[in-house]
Amino acid sequence: MILVSGFNVYPSEIEEVISNHPKVIENAAIGVVDENTGEAVKVFVVSTDPALTAEELKIYCRQYLTAYKVPKFFEFRSELPKSNVGKILRRQLREEEQKKYLTATENHQVTQTLDSKF
């Protein structure tokens, strides 16, 4: 479950809506850290059409989802990580995002420290 501004957002609900888009093969939704809302929805998408854009998917999602459930971030991939039985590994995607966040946070802190010294 993803907690956006205190509201519960279920990844399966987001994934179901996006999977109905004609240009989407498969997708996975996770929660990522967001300074304003606590968490934000991020969706990893495998598409049949390389011209598919995040904006096109946002417009599509706005037709079927409440505003706080509309994904804030999209990442397009050629494939999603799966288990031996073919289940999408959301945990692995979440861990990748946490590593990116921690790296960005550490880099930001180093930059702030250097800025304050000069």
Foldseek 3Di string as FASTA:
>chain_A
DEQFQNDDADFVVLQVQLCPPPFFDGKTWDWAQDPPGRTFIEMETATNDPPDDLVNQQVSVVVPDDPRRRGPYYHYDNDADADPVGHGDVVVVHVVRVVVVVVVVVVVVVVVVVVVVD
